[in-house]
Amino acid sequence: MGRLVYPHRDRLVVRPARHTWEHGRLVVRTPAPAAEVTATYHVDEIRAVGGTGWLVTVAGPIEVITDPDEAAHHRRTLSGWAHSPHDTLLRPVPKTVTGFRLMRAEV
């Protein structure tokens, strides 16, 4: 699970999102309105007990997936949230990708 950050009415909004990497492209399913904006997607895995993990952030324009067959495929294979009024499938077009590993400091 990750977080999609995008501008909406002069403020930044953060929404939970699920993602998949398929055919060399990132696909994000989120309870966000369907709008083609510039956004940032952040995903991480942090192990509190071991003090290790990783973080990746992708930023760039977002394409809304509107093809019915492609949308149906992703809705079958990528779970969403039932409580949301929006159920949007997005394809970020990365302009920047950053990431790093978290490692326990040696004493």
Protein backbone atom coordinates (compact mmCIF):
# COMPACT_ATOMS: atom_id res chain seq x y z
CA MET A 1 0.00 0.00 0.00
CA GLY A 2 1.18 3.52 -0.74
CA ARG A 3 0.01 7.11 -0.73
CA LEU A 4 -0.98 9.33 -3.65
CA VAL A 5 -0.38 13.06 -3.11
CA TYR A 6 -2.00 15.51 -5.53
CA PRO A 7 -3.23 19.13 -5.66
CA HIS A 8 -6.94 19.81 -5.20
CA ARG A 9 -8.51 23.25 -4.67
CA ASP A 10 -5.29 25.02 -3.64
CA ARG A 11 -4.19 22.33 -1.19
CA LEU A 12 -2.42 19.00 -1.23
CA VAL A 13 -4.47 15.87 -0.63
CA VAL A 14 -3.10 12.49 0.47
CA ARG A 15 -5.06 9.33 -0.39
CA PRO A 16 -4.27 5.69 0.32
CA ALA A 17 -3.57 3.64 -2.78
CA ARG A 18 -2.68 0.16 -3.91
CA HIS A 19 -0.37 -0.45 -6.82
CA THR A 20 0.97 -3.01 -9.21
CA TRP A 21 3.88 -3.04 -11.64
CA GLU A 22 2.77 -4.62 -14.89
CA HIS A 23 4.39 -4.61 -18.34
CA GLY A 24 6.95 -2.04 -17.17
CA ARG A 25 4.30 0.41 -15.94
CA LEU A 26 3.04 1.44 -12.54
CA VAL A 27 -0.74 1.25 -12.05
CA VAL A 28 -2.35 2.80 -8.95
CA ARG A 29 -5.88 2.20 -7.64
CA THR A 30 -7.06 4.88 -5.25
CA PRO A 31 -10.18 6.53 -3.82
CA ALA A 32 -9.34 9.81 -5.56
CA PRO A 33 -11.23 11.75 -8.23
CA ALA A 34 -10.34 10.93 -11.83
CA ALA A 35 -8.24 13.90 -12.89
CA GLU A 36 -5.11 14.18 -14.97
CA VAL A 37 -2.80 16.16 -12.70
CA THR A 38 0.81 16.04 -11.61
CA ALA A 39 1.06 13.86 -8.53
CA THR A 40 3.47 12.01 -6.30
CA TYR A 41 3.14 8.35 -5.33
CA HIS A 42 5.03 7.16 -2.26
CA VAL A 43 5.40 3.57 -1.10
CA ASP A 44 7.51 2.10 1.67
CA GLU A 45 8.15 -0.94 3.79
CA ILE A 46 9.65 -0.21 7.19
CA ARG A 47 10.44 -2.94 9.71
CA ALA A 48 10.27 -1.27 13.11
CA VAL A 49 11.76 -4.23 14.96
CA GLY A 50 14.78 -4.62 12.73
CA GLY A 51 15.19 -0.95 11.90
CA THR A 52 15.41 -1.68 8.17
CA GLY A 53 13.29 -1.02 5.12
CA TRP A 54 13.01 0.98 1.93
CA LEU A 55 11.15 3.98 0.47
CA VAL A 56 10.38 4.89 -3.16
CA THR A 57 8.76 8.08 -4.47
CA VAL A 58 7.57 8.60 -8.06
CA ALA A 59 6.51 12.06 -9.28
CA GLY A 60 5.04 13.20 -12.57
CA PRO A 61 1.85 13.55 -14.56
CA ILE A 62 -0.97 11.07 -14.00
CA GLU A 63 -2.95 9.37 -16.77
CA VAL A 64 -6.46 8.14 -15.90
CA ILE A 65 -7.03 4.60 -17.21
CA THR A 66 -10.24 4.80 -19.24
CA ASP A 67 -9.96 1.78 -21.54
CA PRO A 68 -12.79 -0.53 -20.36
CA ASP A 69 -10.85 -3.78 -20.86
CA GLU A 70 -7.73 -2.51 -19.11
CA ALA A 71 -9.79 -1.02 -16.27
CA ALA A 72 -11.72 -4.29 -15.82
CA HIS A 73 -8.45 -6.24 -15.66
CA HIS A 74 -6.99 -3.97 -12.97
CA ARG A 75 -10.21 -3.95 -10.94
CA ARG A 76 -10.08 -7.78 -10.90
CA THR A 77 -6.42 -8.00 -9.94
CA LEU A 78 -5.88 -4.94 -7.73
CA SER A 79 -8.09 -4.59 -4.66
CA GLY A 80 -9.63 -1.23 -3.78
CA TRP A 81 -11.72 0.27 -0.98
CA ALA A 82 -15.49 -0.20 -0.80
CA HIS A 83 -16.11 2.85 1.40
CA SER A 84 -14.99 5.44 -1.13
CA PRO A 85 -17.19 7.37 -3.55
CA HIS A 86 -14.28 7.27 -6.02
CA ASP A 87 -12.55 4.21 -7.43
CA THR A 88 -9.92 5.46 -9.81
CA LEU A 89 -7.24 3.65 -11.80
CA LEU A 90 -4.23 5.80 -12.60
CA ARG A 91 -0.96 5.41 -14.47
CA PRO A 92 1.78 7.71 -13.18
CA VAL A 93 4.24 8.83 -15.86
CA PRO A 94 7.45 9.16 -13.81
CA LYS A 95 9.49 12.31 -14.30
CA THR A 96 11.47 11.60 -11.14
CA VAL A 97 12.00 8.42 -9.14
CA THR A 98 13.82 8.52 -5.82
CA GLY A 99 14.37 5.91 -3.19
CA PHE A 100 16.61 4.66 -0.48
CA ARG A 101 17.16 1.79 1.92
CA LEU A 102 16.93 2.12 5.67
CA MET A 103 19.63 0.26 7.55
CA ARG A 104 20.28 -0.07 11.22
CA ALA A 105 23.13 2.16 12.36
CA GLU A 106 26.15 0.28 13.62
CA VAL A 107 27.16 1.31 17.12
